[in-house]
Amino acid sequence: MKFEVKNRWSGSILFSLETNSLKFCLEAAVKSGANLKGAYLKGADLKGADLKGAYLEVAYLEGAYLEGADLKGADLEGAYLKGADLKGADLKGADLKGADLK
């Protein structure tokens, strides 16, 4: 199945991959150094995802399931994380300036 990570405002495709899950698609995007600024990931199941160093500035992650995700050093500046499950997520060194964590 083809998964696409799209920009939350323009709908343009930031990254796409033929894979089994959005989680694997996003991990591949991060490993390739993709710019995921403004990614629309509302409600995404990213449990245990390896997103070290991800560039997710102003990403829309409302209600995303990020339990146990590795977000070390991720750029989440201005990200919308309302209702996201961050239980056990590793946010060491992550940039959360201006992020909405309500």
C-alpha atoms as a PDB file:
ATOM      1  CA  MET A   1       0.000   0.000   0.000  1.00  0.00           C
ATOM      2  CA  LYS A   2       1.240   3.500  -0.761  1.00  0.00           C
ATOM      3  CA  PHE A   3       1.394   5.893   2.196  1.00  0.00           C
ATOM      4  CA  GLU A   4       1.792   9.630   1.813  1.00  0.00           C
ATOM      5  CA  VAL A   5       2.739  12.288   4.341  1.00  0.00           C
ATOM      6  CA  LYS A   6       1.098  15.529   3.260  1.00  0.00           C
ATOM      7  CA  ASN A   7       1.484  19.169   4.224  1.00  0.00           C
ATOM      8  CA  ARG A   8      -1.315  20.291   6.546  1.00  0.00           C
ATOM      9  CA  TRP A   9      -1.971  23.531   4.654  1.00  0.00           C
ATOM     10  CA  SER A  10      -1.265  22.906   0.986  1.00  0.00           C
ATOM     11  CA  GLY A  11      -1.908  19.162   0.806  1.00  0.00           C
ATOM     12  CA  SER A  12       1.342  18.740  -1.125  1.00  0.00           C
ATOM     13  CA  ILE A  13       3.106  15.416  -0.630  1.00  0.00           C
ATOM     14  CA  LEU A  14       6.152  15.695   1.627  1.00  0.00           C
ATOM     15  CA  PHE A  15       7.079  12.002   1.414  1.00  0.00           C
ATOM     16  CA  SER A  16       5.521   8.835   0.053  1.00  0.00           C
ATOM     17  CA  LEU A  17       6.445   5.172   0.203  1.00  0.00           C
ATOM     18  CA  GLU A  18       5.006   1.791  -0.718  1.00  0.00           C
ATOM     19  CA  THR A  19       5.027   0.001   2.662  1.00  0.00           C
ATOM     20  CA  ASN A  20       2.883  -1.755   5.282  1.00  0.00           C
ATOM     21  CA  SER A  21       2.097   1.203   7.549  1.00  0.00           C
ATOM     22  CA  LEU A  22       2.248   4.946   8.000  1.00  0.00           C
ATOM     23  CA  LYS A  23       4.654   4.324  10.876  1.00  0.00           C
ATOM     24  CA  PHE A  24       7.195   2.656   8.558  1.00  0.00           C
ATOM     25  CA  CYS A  25       6.664   5.386   5.957  1.00  0.00           C
ATOM     26  CA  LEU A  26       7.400   8.099   8.517  1.00  0.00           C
ATOM     27  CA  GLU A  27      10.443   6.268   9.871  1.00  0.00           C
ATOM     28  CA  ALA A  28      11.814   5.996   6.320  1.00  0.00           C
ATOM     29  CA  ALA A  29      11.140   9.689   5.749  1.00  0.00           C
ATOM     30  CA  VAL A  30      13.068  10.615   8.893  1.00  0.00           C
ATOM     31  CA  LYS A  31      15.971   8.291   8.027  1.00  0.00           C
ATOM     32  CA  SER A  32      16.207   9.883   4.581  1.00  0.00           C
ATOM     33  CA  GLY A  33      16.327  13.358   6.141  1.00  0.00           C
ATOM     34  CA  ALA A  34      12.999  14.444   4.653  1.00  0.00           C
ATOM     35  CA  ASN A  35      11.678  17.860   5.599  1.00  0.00           C
ATOM     36  CA  LEU A  36       8.329  17.103   7.245  1.00  0.00           C
ATOM     37  CA  LYS A  37       7.555  20.686   8.235  1.00  0.00           C
ATOM     38  CA  GLY A  38       3.804  21.084   8.544  1.00  0.00           C
ATOM     39  CA  ALA A  39       3.058  17.363   8.146  1.00  0.00           C
ATOM     40  CA  TYR A  40      -0.573  16.380   8.712  1.00  0.00           C
ATOM     41  CA  LEU A  41      -0.498  13.363  11.041  1.00  0.00           C
ATOM     42  CA  LYS A  42      -3.759  13.675  12.966  1.00  0.00           C
ATOM     43  CA  GLY A  43      -4.534  10.468  14.853  1.00  0.00           C
ATOM     44  CA  ALA A  44      -1.553   8.627  13.359  1.00  0.00           C
ATOM     45  CA  ASP A  45      -0.566   5.354  15.069  1.00  0.00           C
ATOM     46  CA  LEU A  46       3.145   5.860  15.652  1.00  0.00           C
ATOM     47  CA  LYS A  47       3.553   3.700  18.741  1.00  0.00           C
ATOM     48  CA  GLY A  48       7.224   2.933  19.278  1.00  0.00           C
ATOM     49  CA  ALA A  49       8.277   4.771  16.114  1.00  0.00           C
ATOM     50  CA  ASP A  50      11.942   5.692  15.663  1.00  0.00           C
ATOM     51  CA  LEU A  51      11.691   9.410  14.876  1.00  0.00           C
ATOM     52  CA  LYS A  52      15.068  10.533  16.238  1.00  0.00           C
ATOM     53  CA  GLY A  53      15.973  13.915  14.803  1.00  0.00           C
ATOM     54  CA  ALA A  54      12.732  14.242  12.836  1.00  0.00           C
ATOM     55  CA  TYR A  55      11.995  17.652  11.350  1.00  0.00           C
ATOM     56  CA  LEU A  56       8.325  18.055  12.315  1.00  0.00           C
ATOM     57  CA  GLU A  57       8.137  21.798  12.901  1.00  0.00           C
ATOM     58  CA  VAL A  58       4.479  22.965  13.030  1.00  0.00           C
ATOM     59  CA  ALA A  59       3.296  19.411  12.300  1.00  0.00           C
ATOM     60  CA  TYR A  60      -0.326  18.583  13.087  1.00  0.00           C
ATOM     61  CA  LEU A  61      -0.253  15.608  15.465  1.00  0.00           C
ATOM     62  CA  GLU A  62      -3.598  15.992  17.239  1.00  0.00           C
ATOM     63  CA  GLY A  63      -4.558  12.699  18.859  1.00  0.00           C
ATOM     64  CA  ALA A  64      -1.501  10.912  17.462  1.00  0.00           C
ATOM     65  CA  TYR A  65      -0.500   7.729  19.270  1.00  0.00           C
ATOM     66  CA  LEU A  66       3.187   8.258  20.080  1.00  0.00           C
ATOM     67  CA  GLU A  67       3.495   5.966  23.088  1.00  0.00           C
ATOM     68  CA  GLY A  68       7.104   4.833  23.429  1.00  0.00           C
ATOM     69  CA  ALA A  69       8.202   6.756  20.327  1.00  0.00           C
ATOM     70  CA  ASP A  70      11.821   7.864  20.113  1.00  0.00           C
ATOM     71  CA  LEU A  71      11.697  11.610  19.452  1.00  0.00           C
ATOM     72  CA  LYS A  72      15.201  12.419  20.704  1.00  0.00           C
ATOM     73  CA  GLY A  73      16.389  15.642  19.126  1.00  0.00           C
ATOM     74  CA  ALA A  74      13.224  16.017  17.040  1.00  0.00           C
ATOM     75  CA  ASP A  75      12.194  19.494  15.938  1.00  0.00           C
ATOM     76  CA  LEU A  76       8.602  19.837  17.128  1.00  0.00           C
ATOM     77  CA  GLU A  77       8.650  23.623  17.378  1.00  0.00           C
ATOM     78  CA  GLY A  78       5.106  24.913  17.044  1.00  0.00           C
ATOM     79  CA  ALA A  79       3.704  21.396  16.581  1.00  0.00           C
ATOM     80  CA  TYR A  80       0.066  20.798  17.464  1.00  0.00           C
ATOM     81  CA  LEU A  81       0.058  17.844  19.869  1.00  0.00           C
ATOM     82  CA  LYS A  82      -3.334  18.306  21.528  1.00  0.00           C
ATOM     83  CA  GLY A  83      -4.550  14.947  22.809  1.00  0.00           C
ATOM     84  CA  ALA A  84      -1.450  13.104  21.572  1.00  0.00           C
ATOM     85  CA  ASP A  85      -0.434  10.084  23.654  1.00  0.00           C
ATOM     86  CA  LEU A  86       3.203  10.702  24.578  1.00  0.00           C
ATOM     87  CA  LYS A  87       3.364   8.142  27.384  1.00  0.00           C
ATOM     88  CA  GLY A  88       6.898   6.761  27.537  1.00  0.00           C
ATOM     89  CA  ALA A  89       8.027   8.797  24.525  1.00  0.00           C
ATOM     90  CA  ASP A  90      11.656   9.887  24.633  1.00  0.00           C
ATOM     91  CA  LEU A  91      11.708  13.655  24.100  1.00  0.00           C
ATOM     92  CA  LYS A  92      15.282  14.208  25.263  1.00  0.00           C
ATOM     93  CA  GLY A  93      16.698  17.191  23.405  1.00  0.00           C
ATOM     94  CA  ALA A  94      13.489  17.684  21.396  1.00  0.00           C
ATOM     95  CA  ASP A  95      12.580  21.265  20.486  1.00  0.00           C
ATOM     96  CA  LEU A  96       9.060  21.853  21.818  1.00  0.00           C
ATOM     97  CA  LYS A  97       9.155  25.658  21.708  1.00  0.00           C
ATOM     98  CA  GLY A  98       5.639  26.899  21.071  1.00  0.00           C
ATOM     99  CA  ALA A  99       4.236  23.365  20.772  1.00  0.00           C
ATOM    100  CA  ASP A 100       0.606  22.924  21.845  1.00  0.00           C
ATOM    101  CA  LEU A 101       0.566  20.085  24.384  1.00  0.00           C
ATOM    102  CA  LYS A 102      -2.940  20.588  25.799  1.00  0.00           C
END
